Amino acid sequence: MGAFKSDLVFEEIKDRITTEKDLVKKVATSFSINIAGDDGSSKKWIIDAQSEPPYVGHDEKPVEVEINIKDSDFMNIAAGKLKPDQV
């Protein structure tokens, strides 16, 4: 899998999901976030806030929410430049 700009955001989520227990309890769901690169490549991230310990990675797991988004749009949302309902 190639590098995406959003990889940095997911690495931050991976670090924080183990320390911010209150936030994890509030989220309490699982996501598959499919990131599309401008070159046609793609990468899937799984965030599972229901498992113990919480999981962030690439292993296939059943999820409750699936999101398909361009890498650039994801980064604009993360930077506060775009609202999710605008994508």
PDB file of N, CA and C in Angstrom:
ATOM      1  N   MET A   1       0.847  -1.179   0.000  1.00  0.00           N
ATOM      2  CA  MET A   1       0.000   0.000   0.000  1.00  0.00           C
ATOM      3  C   MET A   1       0.887   1.235   0.000  1.00  0.00           C
ATOM      4  N   GLY A   2       0.572   2.144  -0.880  1.00  0.00           N
ATOM      5  CA  GLY A   2       1.329   3.381  -0.958  1.00  0.00           C
ATOM      6  C   GLY A   2       0.949   4.349   0.140  1.00  0.00           C
ATOM      7  N   ALA A   3       1.732   5.407   0.216  1.00  0.00           N
ATOM      8  CA  ALA A   3       1.479   6.422   1.243  1.00  0.00           C
ATOM      9  C   ALA A   3       0.375   7.374   0.797  1.00  0.00           C
ATOM     10  N   PHE A   4      -0.489   7.710   1.714  1.00  0.00           N
ATOM     11  CA  PHE A   4      -1.551   8.685   1.512  1.00  0.00           C
ATOM     12  C   PHE A   4      -1.338   9.798   2.529  1.00  0.00           C
ATOM     13  N   LYS A   5      -1.783  10.994   2.203  1.00  0.00           N
ATOM     14  CA  LYS A   5      -1.688  12.099   3.155  1.00  0.00           C
ATOM     15  C   LYS A   5      -2.448  11.765   4.438  1.00  0.00           C
ATOM     16  N   SER A   6      -3.568  11.074   4.296  1.00  0.00           N
ATOM     17  CA  SER A   6      -4.407  10.735   5.451  1.00  0.00           C
ATOM     18  C   SER A   6      -3.761   9.720   6.393  1.00  0.00           C
ATOM     19  N   ASP A   7      -2.698   9.050   5.966  1.00  0.00           N
ATOM     20  CA  ASP A   7      -2.026   8.084   6.845  1.00  0.00           C
ATOM     21  C   ASP A   7      -1.622   8.726   8.169  1.00  0.00           C
ATOM     22  N   LEU A   8      -1.186   9.983   8.113  1.00  0.00           N
ATOM     23  CA  LEU A   8      -0.774  10.687   9.338  1.00  0.00           C
ATOM     24  C   LEU A   8      -1.940  10.848  10.308  1.00  0.00           C
ATOM     25  N   VAL A   9      -3.126  11.128   9.777  1.00  0.00           N
ATOM     26  CA  VAL A   9      -4.315  11.283  10.621  1.00  0.00           C
ATOM     27  C   VAL A   9      -4.664   9.946  11.278  1.00  0.00           C
ATOM     28  N   PHE A  10      -4.613   8.874  10.501  1.00  0.00           N
ATOM     29  CA  PHE A  10      -4.944   7.562  11.058  1.00  0.00           C
ATOM     30  C   PHE A  10      -3.912   7.113  12.093  1.00  0.00           C
ATOM     31  N   GLU A  11      -2.652   7.464  11.895  1.00  0.00           N
ATOM     32  CA  GLU A  11      -1.636   7.145  12.901  1.00  0.00           C
ATOM     33  C   GLU A  11      -1.910   7.912  14.192  1.00  0.00           C
ATOM     34  N   GLU A  12      -2.359   9.159  14.075  1.00  0.00           N
ATOM     35  CA  GLU A  12      -2.733   9.951  15.254  1.00  0.00           C
ATOM     36  C   GLU A  12      -3.937   9.318  15.964  1.00  0.00           C
ATOM     37  N   ILE A  13      -4.931   8.887  15.178  1.00  0.00           N
ATOM     38  CA  ILE A  13      -6.098   8.205  15.761  1.00  0.00           C
ATOM     39  C   ILE A  13      -5.644   6.942  16.489  1.00  0.00           C
ATOM     40  N   LYS A  14      -4.747   6.205  15.860  1.00  0.00           N
ATOM     41  CA  LYS A  14      -4.232   4.967  16.453  1.00  0.00           C
ATOM     42  C   LYS A  14      -3.572   5.240  17.807  1.00  0.00           C
ATOM     43  N   ASP A  15      -2.808   6.315  17.895  1.00  0.00           N
ATOM     44  CA  ASP A  15      -2.163   6.681  19.160  1.00  0.00           C
ATOM     45  C   ASP A  15      -3.186   7.116  20.207  1.00  0.00           C
ATOM     46  N   ARG A  16      -4.136   7.929  19.800  1.00  0.00           N
ATOM     47  CA  ARG A  16      -5.093   8.512  20.748  1.00  0.00           C
ATOM     48  C   ARG A  16      -6.171   7.533  21.206  1.00  0.00           C
ATOM     49  N   ILE A  17      -6.484   6.537  20.391  1.00  0.00           N
ATOM     50  CA  ILE A  17      -7.572   5.610  20.731  1.00  0.00           C
ATOM     51  C   ILE A  17      -7.228   4.779  21.973  1.00  0.00           C
ATOM     52  N   THR A  18      -5.942   4.646  22.255  1.00  0.00           N
ATOM     53  CA  THR A  18      -5.541   3.880  23.438  1.00  0.00           C
ATOM     54  C   THR A  18      -5.504   4.731  24.705  1.00  0.00           C
ATOM     55  N   THR A  19      -5.459   6.060  24.557  1.00  0.00           N
ATOM     56  CA  THR A  19      -5.345   6.928  25.733  1.00  0.00           C
ATOM     57  C   THR A  19      -6.624   7.687  26.062  1.00  0.00           C
ATOM     58  N   GLU A  20      -7.478   7.910  25.095  1.00  0.00           N
ATOM     59  CA  GLU A  20      -8.693   8.701  25.314  1.00  0.00           C
ATOM     60  C   GLU A  20      -9.906   7.783  25.472  1.00  0.00           C
ATOM     61  N   LYS A  21      -9.939   7.100  26.598  1.00  0.00           N
ATOM     62  CA  LYS A  21     -10.977   6.091  26.862  1.00  0.00           C
ATOM     63  C   LYS A  21     -12.392   6.668  26.839  1.00  0.00           C
ATOM     64  N   ASP A  22     -12.585   7.885  27.338  1.00  0.00           N
ATOM     65  CA  ASP A  22     -13.922   8.494  27.347  1.00  0.00           C
ATOM     66  C   ASP A  22     -14.437   8.722  25.930  1.00  0.00           C
ATOM     67  N   LEU A  23     -13.565   9.167  25.045  1.00  0.00           N
ATOM     68  CA  LEU A  23     -13.954   9.390  23.655  1.00  0.00           C
ATOM     69  C   LEU A  23     -14.302   8.069  22.977  1.00  0.00           C
ATOM     70  N   VAL A  24     -13.510   7.048  23.246  1.00  0.00           N
ATOM     71  CA  VAL A  24     -13.766   5.725  22.669  1.00  0.00           C
ATOM     72  C   VAL A  24     -15.138   5.224  23.102  1.00  0.00           C
ATOM     73  N   LYS A  25     -15.490   5.412  24.372  1.00  0.00           N
ATOM     74  CA  LYS A  25     -16.804   4.984  24.870  1.00  0.00           C
ATOM     75  C   LYS A  25     -17.936   5.742  24.185  1.00  0.00           C
ATOM     76  N   LYS A  26     -17.726   7.026  23.892  1.00  0.00           N
ATOM     77  CA  LYS A  26     -18.754   7.824  23.216  1.00  0.00           C
ATOM     78  C   LYS A  26     -18.947   7.372  21.775  1.00  0.00           C
ATOM     79  N   VAL A  27     -17.860   7.027  21.107  1.00  0.00           N
ATOM     80  CA  VAL A  27     -17.943   6.594  19.703  1.00  0.00           C
ATOM     81  C   VAL A  27     -18.586   5.216  19.633  1.00  0.00           C
ATOM     82  N   ALA A  28     -18.054   4.271  20.358  1.00  0.00           N
ATOM     83  CA  ALA A  28     -18.605   2.921  20.520  1.00  0.00           C
ATOM     84  C   ALA A  28     -19.189   2.309  19.251  1.00  0.00           C
ATOM     85  N   THR A  29     -18.475   2.418  18.150  1.00  0.00           N
ATOM     86  CA  THR A  29     -18.895   1.769  16.907  1.00  0.00           C
ATOM     87  C   THR A  29     -17.655   1.372  16.121  1.00  0.00           C
ATOM     88  N   SER A  30     -17.864   0.789  14.951  1.00  0.00           N
ATOM     89  CA  SER A  30     -16.743   0.383  14.108  1.00  0.00           C
ATOM     90  C   SER A  30     -16.937   0.943  12.702  1.00  0.00           C
ATOM     91  N   PHE A  31     -15.807   1.322  12.103  1.00  0.00           N
ATOM     92  CA  PHE A  31     -15.817   1.970  10.791  1.00  0.00           C
ATOM     93  C   PHE A  31     -14.854   1.284   9.838  1.00  0.00           C
ATOM     94  N   SER A  32     -15.221   1.266   8.582  1.00  0.00           N
ATOM     95  CA  SER A  32     -14.304   0.957   7.495  1.00  0.00           C
ATOM     96  C   SER A  32     -14.230   2.230   6.665  1.00  0.00           C
ATOM     97  N   ILE A  33     -13.051   2.813   6.586  1.00  0.00           N
ATOM     98  CA  ILE A  33     -12.880   4.049   5.827  1.00  0.00           C
ATOM     99  C   ILE A  33     -12.001   3.725   4.634  1.00  0.00           C
ATOM    100  N   ASN A  34     -12.612   3.772   3.452  1.00  0.00           N
ATOM    101  CA  ASN A  34     -11.935   3.442   2.212  1.00  0.00           C
ATOM    102  C   ASN A  34     -11.449   4.733   1.571  1.00  0.00           C
ATOM    103  N   ILE A  35     -10.123   4.898   1.530  1.00  0.00           N
ATOM    104  CA  ILE A  35      -9.501   6.115   1.028  1.00  0.00           C
ATOM    105  C   ILE A  35      -9.072   5.886  -0.417  1.00  0.00           C
ATOM    106  N   ALA A  36      -9.469   6.800  -1.306  1.00  0.00           N
ATOM    107  CA  ALA A  36      -9.095   6.729  -2.721  1.00  0.00           C
ATOM    108  C   ALA A  36      -8.053   7.794  -3.024  1.00  0.00           C
ATOM    109  N   GLY A  37      -6.953   7.379  -3.630  1.00  0.00           N
ATOM    110  CA  GLY A  37      -5.910   8.311  -4.037  1.00  0.00           C
ATOM    111  C   GLY A  37      -6.222   8.908  -5.399  1.00  0.00           C
ATOM    112  N   ASP A  38      -5.572  10.017  -5.705  1.00  0.00           N
ATOM    113  CA  ASP A  38      -5.773  10.670  -7.002  1.00  0.00           C
ATOM    114  C   ASP A  38      -5.285   9.808  -8.160  1.00  0.00           C
ATOM    115  N   ASP A  39      -4.376   8.889  -7.886  1.00  0.00           N
ATOM    116  CA  ASP A  39      -3.814   8.037  -8.932  1.00  0.00           C
ATOM    117  C   ASP A  39      -4.594   6.738  -9.126  1.00  0.00           C
ATOM    118  N   GLY A  40      -5.742   6.606  -8.455  1.00  0.00           N
ATOM    119  CA  GLY A  40      -6.560   5.406  -8.590  1.00  0.00           C
ATOM    120  C   GLY A  40      -6.257   4.340  -7.547  1.00  0.00           C
ATOM    121  N   SER A  41      -5.242   4.549  -6.733  1.00  0.00           N
ATOM    122  CA  SER A  41      -4.933   3.587  -5.674  1.00  0.00           C
ATOM    123  C   SER A  41      -5.932   3.749  -4.532  1.00  0.00           C
ATOM    124  N   SER A  42      -5.958   2.778  -3.634  1.00  0.00           N
ATOM    125  CA  SER A  42      -6.880   2.866  -2.500  1.00  0.00           C
ATOM    126  C   SER A  42      -6.277   2.185  -1.281  1.00  0.00           C
ATOM    127  N   LYS A  43      -6.796   2.558  -0.130  1.00  0.00           N
ATOM    128  CA  LYS A  43      -6.360   1.977   1.136  1.00  0.00           C
ATOM    129  C   LYS A  43      -7.567   1.943   2.064  1.00  0.00           C
ATOM    130  N   LYS A  44      -7.709   0.846   2.779  1.00  0.00           N
ATOM    131  CA  LYS A  44      -8.822   0.701   3.724  1.00  0.00           C
ATOM    132  C   LYS A  44      -8.278   0.733   5.151  1.00  0.00           C
ATOM    133  N   TRP A  45      -8.890   1.586   5.956  1.00  0.00           N
ATOM    134  CA  TRP A  45      -8.588   1.656   7.381  1.00  0.00           C
ATOM    135  C   TRP A  45      -9.803   1.159   8.157  1.00  0.00           C
ATOM    136  N   ILE A  46      -9.557   0.345   9.160  1.00  0.00           N
ATOM    137  CA  ILE A  46     -10.600  -0.122  10.060  1.00  0.00           C
ATOM    138  C   ILE A  46     -10.373   0.542  11.419  1.00  0.00           C
ATOM    139  N   ILE A  47     -11.414   1.166  11.944  1.00  0.00           N
ATOM    140  CA  ILE A  47     -11.385   1.715  13.300  1.00  0.00           C
ATOM    141  C   ILE A  47     -12.498   1.013  14.065  1.00  0.00           C
ATOM    142  N   ASP A  48     -12.115   0.269  15.086  1.00  0.00           N
ATOM    143  CA  ASP A  48     -13.089  -0.481  15.880  1.00  0.00           C
ATOM    144  C   ASP A  48     -13.008  -0.012  17.332  1.00  0.00           C
ATOM    145  N   ALA A  49     -13.929   0.859  17.700  1.00  0.00           N
ATOM    146  CA  ALA A  49     -13.980   1.391  19.066  1.00  0.00           C
ATOM    147  C   ALA A  49     -14.805   0.497  19.985  1.00  0.00           C
ATOM    148  N   GLN A  50     -15.306  -0.624  19.457  1.00  0.00           N
ATOM    149  CA  GLN A  50     -16.085  -1.561  20.268  1.00  0.00           C
ATOM    150  C   GLN A  50     -15.221  -2.669  20.849  1.00  0.00           C
ATOM    151  N   SER A  51     -14.110  -2.968  20.177  1.00  0.00           N
ATOM    152  CA  SER A  51     -13.270  -4.073  20.638  1.00  0.00           C
ATOM    153  C   SER A  51     -12.425  -3.637  21.829  1.00  0.00           C
ATOM    154  N   GLU A  52     -11.936  -4.616  22.556  1.00  0.00           N
ATOM    155  CA  GLU A  52     -11.068  -4.329  23.702  1.00  0.00           C
ATOM    156  C   GLU A  52      -9.779  -5.115  23.515  1.00  0.00           C
ATOM    157  N   PRO A  53      -8.679  -4.467  23.265  1.00  0.00           N
ATOM    158  CA  PRO A  53      -8.523  -3.015  23.167  1.00  0.00           C
ATOM    159  C   PRO A  53      -9.066  -2.489  21.841  1.00  0.00           C
ATOM    160  N   PRO A  54      -9.326  -1.200  21.757  1.00  0.00           N
ATOM    161  CA  PRO A  54      -9.780  -0.611  20.498  1.00  0.00           C
ATOM    162  C   PRO A  54      -8.732  -0.858  19.409  1.00  0.00           C
ATOM    163  N   TYR A  55      -9.203  -0.937  18.164  1.00  0.00           N
ATOM    164  CA  TYR A  55      -8.326  -1.322  17.053  1.00  0.00           C
ATOM    165  C   TYR A  55      -8.334  -0.267  15.950  1.00  0.00           C
ATOM    166  N   VAL A  56      -7.151   0.025  15.417  1.00  0.00           N
ATOM    167  CA  VAL A  56      -7.001   0.842  14.214  1.00  0.00           C
ATOM    168  C   VAL A  56      -5.968   0.139  13.350  1.00  0.00           C
ATOM    169  N   GLY A  57      -6.356  -0.224  12.124  1.00  0.00           N
ATOM    170  CA  GLY A  57      -5.423  -0.922  11.246  1.00  0.00           C
ATOM    171  C   GLY A  57      -6.073  -1.303   9.938  1.00  0.00           C
ATOM    172  N   HIS A  58      -5.508  -2.343   9.313  1.00  0.00           N
ATOM    173  CA  HIS A  58      -5.952  -2.737   7.978  1.00  0.00           C
ATOM    174  C   HIS A  58      -6.581  -4.129   7.928  1.00  0.00           C
ATOM    175  N   ASP A  59      -6.622  -4.842   9.053  1.00  0.00           N
ATOM    176  CA  ASP A  59      -7.211  -6.182   9.051  1.00  0.00           C
ATOM    177  C   ASP A  59      -8.700  -6.107   8.743  1.00  0.00           C
ATOM    178  N   GLU A  60      -9.173  -7.065   7.974  1.00  0.00           N
ATOM    179  CA  GLU A  60     -10.605  -7.129   7.671  1.00  0.00           C
ATOM    180  C   GLU A  60     -11.372  -7.524   8.925  1.00  0.00           C
ATOM    181  N   LYS A  61     -12.378  -6.734   9.252  1.00  0.00           N
ATOM    182  CA  LYS A  61     -13.261  -7.008  10.389  1.00  0.00           C
ATOM    183  C   LYS A  61     -14.662  -6.573   9.993  1.00  0.00           C
ATOM    184  N   PRO A  62     -15.680  -7.174  10.563  1.00  0.00           N
ATOM    185  CA  PRO A  62     -17.036  -6.674  10.331  1.00  0.00           C
ATOM    186  C   PRO A  62     -17.163  -5.281  10.954  1.00  0.00           C
ATOM    187  N   VAL A  63     -17.835  -4.384  10.244  1.00  0.00           N
ATOM    188  CA  VAL A  63     -17.998  -3.007  10.734  1.00  0.00           C
ATOM    189  C   VAL A  63     -19.453  -2.580  10.619  1.00  0.00           C
ATOM    190  N   GLU A  64     -19.800  -1.533  11.354  1.00  0.00           N
ATOM    191  CA  GLU A  64     -21.157  -0.990  11.316  1.00  0.00           C
ATOM    192  C   GLU A  64     -21.305   0.149  10.317  1.00  0.00           C
ATOM    193  N   VAL A  65     -20.210   0.875  10.052  1.00  0.00           N
ATOM    194  CA  VAL A  65     -20.269   2.042   9.174  1.00  0.00           C
ATOM    195  C   VAL A  65     -19.168   1.931   8.129  1.00  0.00           C
ATOM    196  N   GLU A  66     -19.537   2.129   6.865  1.00  0.00           N
ATOM    197  CA  GLU A  66     -18.548   2.132   5.789  1.00  0.00           C
ATOM    198  C   GLU A  66     -18.546   3.502   5.124  1.00  0.00           C
ATOM    199  N   ILE A  67     -17.352   4.070   4.977  1.00  0.00           N
ATOM    200  CA  ILE A  67     -17.189   5.395   4.383  1.00  0.00           C
ATOM    201  C   ILE A  67     -16.230   5.280   3.207  1.00  0.00           C
ATOM    202  N   ASN A  68     -16.619   5.830   2.062  1.00  0.00           N
ATOM    203  CA  ASN A  68     -15.762   5.895   0.886  1.00  0.00           C
ATOM    204  C   ASN A  68     -15.474   7.362   0.612  1.00  0.00           C
ATOM    205  N   ILE A  69     -14.179   7.727   0.555  1.00  0.00           N
ATOM    206  CA  ILE A  69     -13.822   9.136   0.441  1.00  0.00           C
ATOM    207  C   ILE A  69     -12.459   9.290  -0.234  1.00  0.00           C
ATOM    208  N   LYS A  70     -12.282  10.391  -0.948  1.00  0.00           N
ATOM    209  CA  LYS A  70     -10.985  10.710  -1.546  1.00  0.00           C
ATOM    210  C   LYS A  70     -10.024  11.152  -0.446  1.00  0.00           C
ATOM    211  N   ASP A  71      -8.768  10.841  -0.637  1.00  0.00           N
ATOM    212  CA  ASP A  71      -7.738  11.237   0.321  1.00  0.00           C
ATOM    213  C   ASP A  71      -7.745  12.751   0.532  1.00  0.00           C
ATOM    214  N   SER A  72      -7.850  13.511  -0.543  1.00  0.00           N
ATOM    215  CA  SER A  72      -7.838  14.982  -0.436  1.00  0.00           C
ATOM    216  C   SER A  72      -9.057  15.499   0.330  1.00  0.00           C
ATOM    217  N   ASP A  73     -10.233  14.913   0.101  1.00  0.00           N
ATOM    218  CA  ASP A  73     -11.432  15.329   0.841  1.00  0.00           C
ATOM    219  C   ASP A  73     -11.302  14.992   2.326  1.00  0.00           C
ATOM    220  N   PHE A  74     -10.772  13.815   2.617  1.00  0.00           N
ATOM    221  CA  PHE A  74     -10.579  13.423   4.016  1.00  0.00           C
ATOM    222  C   PHE A  74      -9.665  14.415   4.726  1.00  0.00           C
ATOM    223  N   MET A  75      -8.583  14.814   4.059  1.00  0.00           N
ATOM    224  CA  MET A  75      -7.644  15.760   4.665  1.00  0.00           C
ATOM    225  C   MET A  75      -8.284  17.132   4.854  1.00  0.00           C
ATOM    226  N   ASN A  76      -9.117  17.548   3.915  1.00  0.00           N
ATOM    227  CA  ASN A  76      -9.811  18.833   4.066  1.00  0.00           C
ATOM    228  C   ASN A  76     -10.796  18.798   5.234  1.00  0.00           C
ATOM    229  N   ILE A  77     -11.455  17.674   5.442  1.00  0.00           N
ATOM    230  CA  ILE A  77     -12.344  17.523   6.602  1.00  0.00           C
ATOM    231  C   ILE A  77     -11.516  17.562   7.884  1.00  0.00           C
ATOM    232  N   ALA A  78     -10.419  16.830   7.912  1.00  0.00           N
ATOM    233  CA  ALA A  78      -9.566  16.786   9.103  1.00  0.00           C
ATOM    234  C   ALA A  78      -9.004  18.165   9.443  1.00  0.00           C
ATOM    235  N   ALA A  79      -8.758  18.983   8.419  1.00  0.00           N
ATOM    236  CA  ALA A  79      -8.211  20.327   8.627  1.00  0.00           C
ATOM    237  C   ALA A  79      -9.297  21.358   8.914  1.00  0.00           C
ATOM    238  N   GLY A  80     -10.569  20.941   8.865  1.00  0.00           N
ATOM    239  CA  GLY A  80     -11.674  21.860   9.126  1.00  0.00           C
ATOM    240  C   GLY A  80     -12.021  22.744   7.944  1.00  0.00           C
ATOM    241  N   LYS A  81     -11.518  22.409   6.767  1.00  0.00           N
ATOM    242  CA  LYS A  81     -11.782  23.204   5.564  1.00  0.00           C
ATOM    243  C   LYS A  81     -13.033  22.746   4.820  1.00  0.00           C
ATOM    244  N   LEU A  82     -13.543  21.587   5.198  1.00  0.00           N
ATOM    245  CA  LEU A  82     -14.689  20.998   4.511  1.00  0.00           C
ATOM    246  C   LEU A  82     -15.529  20.261   5.546  1.00  0.00           C
ATOM    247  N   LYS A  83     -16.848  20.362   5.409  1.00  0.00           N
ATOM    248  CA  LYS A  83     -17.749  19.622   6.294  1.00  0.00           C
ATOM    249  C   LYS A  83     -18.059  18.276   5.649  1.00  0.00           C
ATOM    250  N   PRO A  84     -18.227  17.227   6.457  1.00  0.00           N
ATOM    251  CA  PRO A  84     -18.497  15.904   5.889  1.00  0.00           C
ATOM    252  C   PRO A  84     -19.704  15.866   4.957  1.00  0.00           C
ATOM    253  N   ASP A  85     -20.725  16.677   5.226  1.00  0.00           N
ATOM    254  CA  ASP A  85     -21.909  16.651   4.365  1.00  0.00           C
ATOM    255  C   ASP A  85     -21.689  17.394   3.048  1.00  0.00           C
ATOM    256  N   GLN A  86     -20.513  17.975   2.853  1.00  0.00           N
ATOM    257  CA  GLN A  86     -20.198  18.657   1.599  1.00  0.00           C
ATOM    258  C   GLN A  86     -19.486  17.735   0.612  1.00  0.00           C
ATOM    259  N   VAL A  87     -19.125  16.553   1.058  1.00  0.00           N
ATOM    260  CA  VAL A  87     -18.378  15.627   0.199  1.00  0.00           C
ATOM    261  C   VAL A  87     -19.346  14.789  -0.601  1.00  0.00           C
TER     262      VAL A  87
END
